[in-house]
Amino acid sequence: MLLDRARINGPMDRAAAGDPDAFAAVARETQDELFRLALANGLSRDDAAEATQEALLRAYAGRGGWRRGADAMAWLCGILLNVVRECHRRRQRSRILAAADGPAAADLAEQPAAGGRPWEAESLGPLTQAIDRLPPRQREAIACRYLRQMSIRQTAAAMGCAEGTVKSAVSAALERLREILQELP
């Protein structure tokens, strides 16, 4: 479900102007969409919930710098994607450190809290496996464009890149998904 831009932008404008209740309305309206975007980018349910909360906290802290009339959902998605990237980097560092400490530590780093899939692979089958194999930027582009149904412009704003970069990432991701799906049994 796509959110009505006016339902988010109006309260965001008021929050930036200092209305503390307005940001609560923004958070209520957007938290489910942000959570689903975090899930679509490979976080476990617990990690996605934490990432959503962290993104909303960062947005609240940065609300004074909000540009009136901008796309609030794209802005929030950009903040969330930054949090997701940080989570992936932390997880990768944990795995590297755990592997350096030996097999027992590596097993600990692979427990579900470190990042299992919230929507089981059985329910989405080969597509989930294929999306998991995409590079992070391609996975982000696919999640924004197709799972969140964001425009190219909104996706570019969320990912912090040019529209041409989004088009290129989506095209490369779709081509890679085709290849991967043909390889799978």
C-alpha atoms as a PDB file:
ATOM      1  CA  MET A   1       0.000   0.000   0.000  1.00  0.00           C
ATOM      2  CA  LEU A   2       1.370   3.361  -0.985  1.00  0.00           C
ATOM      3  CA  LEU A   3       0.846   6.199   1.430  1.00  0.00           C
ATOM      4  CA  ASP A   4      -0.808   9.436   0.373  1.00  0.00           C
ATOM      5  CA  ARG A   5       1.987  11.997   0.146  1.00  0.00           C
ATOM      6  CA  ALA A   6      -0.173  14.770   1.645  1.00  0.00           C
ATOM      7  CA  ARG A   7      -0.937  12.615   4.714  1.00  0.00           C
ATOM      8  CA  ILE A   8       2.768  12.542   5.490  1.00  0.00           C
ATOM      9  CA  ASN A   9       4.094  15.834   4.127  1.00  0.00           C
ATOM     10  CA  GLY A  10       1.640  18.062   6.017  1.00  0.00           C
ATOM     11  CA  PRO A  11       2.465  16.618   9.434  1.00  0.00           C
ATOM     12  CA  MET A  12       6.181  16.599   8.524  1.00  0.00           C
ATOM     13  CA  ASP A  13       6.000  20.309   7.682  1.00  0.00           C
ATOM     14  CA  ARG A  14       4.357  20.956  11.062  1.00  0.00           C
ATOM     15  CA  ALA A  15       6.919  18.779  12.876  1.00  0.00           C
ATOM     16  CA  ALA A  16       9.756  20.741  11.293  1.00  0.00           C
ATOM     17  CA  ALA A  17       8.096  23.926  12.493  1.00  0.00           C
ATOM     18  CA  GLY A  18       8.190  22.629  16.078  1.00  0.00           C
ATOM     19  CA  ASP A  19       4.874  20.800  16.575  1.00  0.00           C
ATOM     20  CA  PRO A  20       5.850  17.729  18.682  1.00  0.00           C
ATOM     21  CA  ASP A  21       2.551  15.904  18.065  1.00  0.00           C
ATOM     22  CA  ALA A  22       2.914  16.202  14.298  1.00  0.00           C
ATOM     23  CA  PHE A  23       5.941  13.910  14.172  1.00  0.00           C
ATOM     24  CA  ALA A  24       4.009  11.265  16.090  1.00  0.00           C
ATOM     25  CA  ALA A  25       1.479  11.301  13.237  1.00  0.00           C
ATOM     26  CA  VAL A  26       4.305  10.896  10.698  1.00  0.00           C
ATOM     27  CA  ALA A  27       5.717   7.945  12.642  1.00  0.00           C
ATOM     28  CA  ARG A  28       2.302   6.259  12.924  1.00  0.00           C
ATOM     29  CA  GLU A  29       1.623   6.665   9.204  1.00  0.00           C
ATOM     30  CA  THR A  30       5.024   5.461   7.995  1.00  0.00           C
ATOM     31  CA  GLN A  31       6.311   2.857  10.454  1.00  0.00           C
ATOM     32  CA  ASP A  32       4.729  -0.155   8.719  1.00  0.00           C
ATOM     33  CA  GLU A  33       6.037   0.878   5.291  1.00  0.00           C
ATOM     34  CA  LEU A  34       9.509   1.494   6.688  1.00  0.00           C
ATOM     35  CA  PHE A  35       9.455  -1.862   8.490  1.00  0.00           C
ATOM     36  CA  ARG A  36       8.525  -3.673   5.257  1.00  0.00           C
ATOM     37  CA  LEU A  37      11.314  -1.873   3.396  1.00  0.00           C
ATOM     38  CA  ALA A  38      13.818  -2.985   6.037  1.00  0.00           C
ATOM     39  CA  LEU A  39      12.556  -6.569   5.694  1.00  0.00           C
ATOM     40  CA  ALA A  40      12.859  -6.348   1.919  1.00  0.00           C
ATOM     41  CA  ASN A  41      16.494  -5.348   2.344  1.00  0.00           C
ATOM     42  CA  GLY A  42      17.439  -8.488   4.195  1.00  0.00           C
ATOM     43  CA  LEU A  43      16.930  -7.731   7.870  1.00  0.00           C
ATOM     44  CA  SER A  44      15.324 -10.121  10.337  1.00  0.00           C
ATOM     45  CA  ARG A  45      12.059  -9.039  11.954  1.00  0.00           C
ATOM     46  CA  ASP A  46      13.894  -7.923  15.108  1.00  0.00           C
ATOM     47  CA  ASP A  47      16.571  -6.048  13.169  1.00  0.00           C
ATOM     48  CA  ALA A  48      13.943  -4.469  10.900  1.00  0.00           C
ATOM     49  CA  ALA A  49      11.995  -3.257  13.936  1.00  0.00           C
ATOM     50  CA  GLU A  50      15.155  -1.753  15.430  1.00  0.00           C
ATOM     51  CA  ALA A  51      16.131  -0.188  12.103  1.00  0.00           C
ATOM     52  CA  THR A  52      12.670   1.353  11.743  1.00  0.00           C
ATOM     53  CA  GLN A  53      12.846   2.780  15.250  1.00  0.00           C
ATOM     54  CA  GLU A  54      16.357   4.129  14.649  1.00  0.00           C
ATOM     55  CA  ALA A  55      15.326   5.722  11.333  1.00  0.00           C
ATOM     56  CA  LEU A  56      12.366   7.439  12.980  1.00  0.00           C
ATOM     57  CA  LEU A  57      14.579   8.666  15.833  1.00  0.00           C
ATOM     58  CA  ARG A  58      17.064  10.089  13.334  1.00  0.00           C
ATOM     59  CA  ALA A  59      14.252  11.721  11.370  1.00  0.00           C
ATOM     60  CA  TYR A  60      12.867  13.247  14.560  1.00  0.00           C
ATOM     61  CA  ALA A  61      16.303  14.565  15.492  1.00  0.00           C
ATOM     62  CA  GLY A  62      16.783  15.980  11.992  1.00  0.00           C
ATOM     63  CA  ARG A  63      13.277  17.366  11.535  1.00  0.00           C
ATOM     64  CA  GLY A  64      14.517  20.943  11.833  1.00  0.00           C
ATOM     65  CA  GLY A  65      16.444  20.515   8.585  1.00  0.00           C
ATOM     66  CA  TRP A  66      13.392  19.232   6.696  1.00  0.00           C
ATOM     67  CA  ARG A  67      12.698  21.099   3.430  1.00  0.00           C
ATOM     68  CA  ARG A  68       9.031  22.089   3.259  1.00  0.00           C
ATOM     69  CA  GLY A  69       7.276  20.493   0.310  1.00  0.00           C
ATOM     70  CA  ALA A  70       9.855  17.755  -0.248  1.00  0.00           C
ATOM     71  CA  ASP A  71       8.787  14.104  -0.407  1.00  0.00           C
ATOM     72  CA  ALA A  72       8.686  12.983   3.240  1.00  0.00           C
ATOM     73  CA  MET A  73       8.401   9.274   2.471  1.00  0.00           C
ATOM     74  CA  ALA A  74      11.438   9.339   0.166  1.00  0.00           C
ATOM     75  CA  TRP A  75      13.345  11.258   2.876  1.00  0.00           C
ATOM     76  CA  LEU A  76      12.372   8.692   5.527  1.00  0.00           C
ATOM     77  CA  CYS A  77      13.225   5.779   3.208  1.00  0.00           C
ATOM     78  CA  GLY A  78      16.659   7.310   2.630  1.00  0.00           C
ATOM     79  CA  ILE A  79      17.257   7.505   6.360  1.00  0.00           C
ATOM     80  CA  LEU A  80      16.075   3.903   6.772  1.00  0.00           C
ATOM     81  CA  LEU A  81      18.321   2.642   3.965  1.00  0.00           C
ATOM     82  CA  ASN A  82      21.307   4.261   5.679  1.00  0.00           C
ATOM     83  CA  VAL A  83      20.410   2.460   8.913  1.00  0.00           C
ATOM     84  CA  VAL A  84      19.994  -0.839   7.010  1.00  0.00           C
ATOM     85  CA  ARG A  85      23.425  -0.400   5.400  1.00  0.00           C
ATOM     86  CA  GLU A  86      24.968   0.220   8.824  1.00  0.00           C
ATOM     87  CA  CYS A  87      23.292  -2.922  10.162  1.00  0.00           C
ATOM     88  CA  HIS A  88      24.679  -4.991   7.279  1.00  0.00           C
ATOM     89  CA  ARG A  89      28.168  -3.560   7.851  1.00  0.00           C
ATOM     90  CA  ARG A  90      27.999  -4.372  11.590  1.00  0.00           C
ATOM     91  CA  ARG A  91      26.818  -7.889  10.804  1.00  0.00           C
ATOM     92  CA  GLN A  92      29.647  -8.372   8.313  1.00  0.00           C
ATOM     93  CA  ARG A  93      32.227  -7.125  10.839  1.00  0.00           C
ATOM     94  CA  SER A  94      30.783  -9.533  13.435  1.00  0.00           C
ATOM     95  CA  ARG A  95      31.128 -12.440  11.040  1.00  0.00           C
ATOM     96  CA  ILE A  96      34.710 -11.531  10.196  1.00  0.00           C
ATOM     97  CA  LEU A  97      35.644 -11.173  13.868  1.00  0.00           C
ATOM     98  CA  ALA A  98      33.809 -14.372  14.774  1.00  0.00           C
ATOM     99  CA  ALA A  99      35.560 -16.295  12.004  1.00  0.00           C
ATOM    100  CA  ALA A 100      38.892 -15.009  13.252  1.00  0.00           C
ATOM    101  CA  ASP A 101      38.073 -16.329  16.732  1.00  0.00           C
ATOM    102  CA  GLY A 102      37.442 -19.861  15.488  1.00  0.00           C
ATOM    103  CA  PRO A 103      34.529 -22.117  14.559  1.00  0.00           C
ATOM    104  CA  ALA A 104      32.622 -21.813  17.850  1.00  0.00           C
ATOM    105  CA  ALA A 105      32.489 -18.032  17.583  1.00  0.00           C
ATOM    106  CA  ALA A 106      31.535 -18.244  13.894  1.00  0.00           C
ATOM    107  CA  ASP A 107      28.568 -20.482  14.801  1.00  0.00           C
ATOM    108  CA  LEU A 108      27.426 -17.910  17.330  1.00  0.00           C
ATOM    109  CA  ALA A 109      27.550 -15.131  14.713  1.00  0.00           C
ATOM    110  CA  GLU A 110      25.215 -17.128  12.444  1.00  0.00           C
ATOM    111  CA  GLN A 111      22.321 -17.382  14.905  1.00  0.00           C
ATOM    112  CA  PRO A 112      18.940 -16.004  13.740  1.00  0.00           C
ATOM    113  CA  ALA A 113      19.288 -12.747  15.715  1.00  0.00           C
ATOM    114  CA  ALA A 114      22.177 -11.888  13.415  1.00  0.00           C
ATOM    115  CA  GLY A 115      19.849 -11.756  10.446  1.00  0.00           C
ATOM    116  CA  GLY A 116      17.547 -14.599   9.423  1.00  0.00           C
ATOM    117  CA  ARG A 117      14.777 -13.986   6.901  1.00  0.00           C
ATOM    118  CA  PRO A 118      11.458 -12.917   8.435  1.00  0.00           C
ATOM    119  CA  TRP A 119       9.470 -14.194   5.491  1.00  0.00           C
ATOM    120  CA  GLU A 120      10.536 -17.772   5.175  1.00  0.00           C
ATOM    121  CA  ALA A 121      12.196 -18.864   1.935  1.00  0.00           C
ATOM    122  CA  GLU A 122       9.500 -21.520   1.490  1.00  0.00           C
ATOM    123  CA  SER A 123       6.818 -18.869   1.145  1.00  0.00           C
ATOM    124  CA  LEU A 124       8.543 -16.869  -1.574  1.00  0.00           C
ATOM    125  CA  GLY A 125      10.718 -19.618  -2.960  1.00  0.00           C
ATOM    126  CA  PRO A 126      13.308 -18.977  -5.630  1.00  0.00           C
ATOM    127  CA  LEU A 127      12.633 -15.244  -5.853  1.00  0.00           C
ATOM    128  CA  THR A 128      13.746 -14.731  -2.250  1.00  0.00           C
ATOM    129  CA  GLN A 129      16.921 -16.689  -2.935  1.00  0.00           C
ATOM    130  CA  ALA A 130      17.586 -14.662  -6.068  1.00  0.00           C
ATOM    131  CA  ILE A 131      17.007 -11.300  -4.362  1.00  0.00           C
ATOM    132  CA  ASP A 132      19.347 -12.357  -1.533  1.00  0.00           C
ATOM    133  CA  ARG A 133      22.116 -12.877  -4.085  1.00  0.00           C
ATOM    134  CA  LEU A 134      21.873  -9.342  -5.516  1.00  0.00           C
ATOM    135  CA  PRO A 135      24.469  -6.740  -4.550  1.00  0.00           C
ATOM    136  CA  PRO A 136      23.140  -4.400  -1.815  1.00  0.00           C
ATOM    137  CA  ARG A 137      22.526  -1.358  -4.065  1.00  0.00           C
ATOM    138  CA  GLN A 138      20.607  -3.466  -6.603  1.00  0.00           C
ATOM    139  CA  ARG A 139      18.562  -5.019  -3.783  1.00  0.00           C
ATOM    140  CA  GLU A 140      17.760  -1.520  -2.472  1.00  0.00           C
ATOM    141  CA  ALA A 141      16.711  -0.333  -5.929  1.00  0.00           C
ATOM    142  CA  ILE A 142      14.432  -3.340  -6.446  1.00  0.00           C
ATOM    143  CA  ALA A 143      12.925  -2.972  -2.969  1.00  0.00           C
ATOM    144  CA  CYS A 144      12.148   0.713  -3.485  1.00  0.00           C
ATOM    145  CA  ARG A 145      10.875   0.433  -7.062  1.00  0.00           C
ATOM    146  CA  TYR A 146       8.881  -2.779  -6.908  1.00  0.00           C
ATOM    147  CA  LEU A 147       8.145  -3.596  -3.277  1.00  0.00           C
ATOM    148  CA  ARG A 148       7.519   0.022  -2.173  1.00  0.00           C
ATOM    149  CA  GLN A 149       6.342   1.061  -5.667  1.00  0.00           C
ATOM    150  CA  MET A 150       8.342   4.288  -5.488  1.00  0.00           C
ATOM    151  CA  SER A 151       9.002   6.385  -8.594  1.00  0.00           C
ATOM    152  CA  ILE A 152      12.488   6.671 -10.056  1.00  0.00           C
ATOM    153  CA  ARG A 153      12.788  10.143  -8.487  1.00  0.00           C
ATOM    154  CA  GLN A 154      11.663   8.915  -5.058  1.00  0.00           C
ATOM    155  CA  THR A 155      13.992   5.925  -5.251  1.00  0.00           C
ATOM    156  CA  ALA A 156      16.911   8.183  -6.176  1.00  0.00           C
ATOM    157  CA  ALA A 157      16.122  10.443  -3.218  1.00  0.00           C
ATOM    158  CA  ALA A 158      15.866   7.461  -0.860  1.00  0.00           C
ATOM    159  CA  MET A 159      19.101   5.907  -2.099  1.00  0.00           C
ATOM    160  CA  GLY A 160      20.944   9.222  -2.237  1.00  0.00           C
ATOM    161  CA  CYS A 161      21.932   8.934  -5.888  1.00  0.00           C
ATOM    162  CA  ALA A 162      21.038  10.198  -9.369  1.00  0.00           C
ATOM    163  CA  GLU A 163      17.951   8.975 -11.238  1.00  0.00           C
ATOM    164  CA  GLY A 164      20.192   7.456 -13.914  1.00  0.00           C
ATOM    165  CA  THR A 165      21.946   5.426 -11.237  1.00  0.00           C
ATOM    166  CA  VAL A 166      18.583   4.045 -10.098  1.00  0.00           C
ATOM    167  CA  LYS A 167      17.624   3.118 -13.666  1.00  0.00           C
ATOM    168  CA  SER A 168      20.967   1.416 -14.143  1.00  0.00           C
ATOM    169  CA  ALA A 169      20.736  -0.443 -10.809  1.00  0.00           C
ATOM    170  CA  VAL A 170      17.180  -1.624 -11.516  1.00  0.00           C
ATOM    171  CA  SER A 171      18.099  -2.761 -15.023  1.00  0.00           C
ATOM    172  CA  ALA A 172      21.174  -4.618 -13.782  1.00  0.00           C
ATOM    173  CA  ALA A 173      19.186  -6.151 -10.917  1.00  0.00           C
ATOM    174  CA  LEU A 174      16.428  -7.416 -13.208  1.00  0.00           C
ATOM    175  CA  GLU A 175      18.989  -8.906 -15.586  1.00  0.00           C
ATOM    176  CA  ARG A 176      20.831 -10.551 -12.680  1.00  0.00           C
ATOM    177  CA  LEU A 177      17.546 -11.874 -11.249  1.00  0.00           C
ATOM    178  CA  ARG A 178      16.743 -13.472 -14.613  1.00  0.00           C
ATOM    179  CA  GLU A 179      20.161 -15.161 -14.649  1.00  0.00           C
ATOM    180  CA  ILE A 180      19.913 -16.341 -11.060  1.00  0.00           C
ATOM    181  CA  LEU A 181      16.374 -17.691 -11.476  1.00  0.00           C
ATOM    182  CA  GLN A 182      17.450 -19.669 -14.535  1.00  0.00           C
ATOM    183  CA  GLU A 183      20.322 -21.184 -12.527  1.00  0.00           C
ATOM    184  CA  LEU A 184      18.102 -22.300  -9.635  1.00  0.00           C
ATOM    185  CA  PRO A 185      16.600 -25.802  -9.739  1.00  0.00           C
END
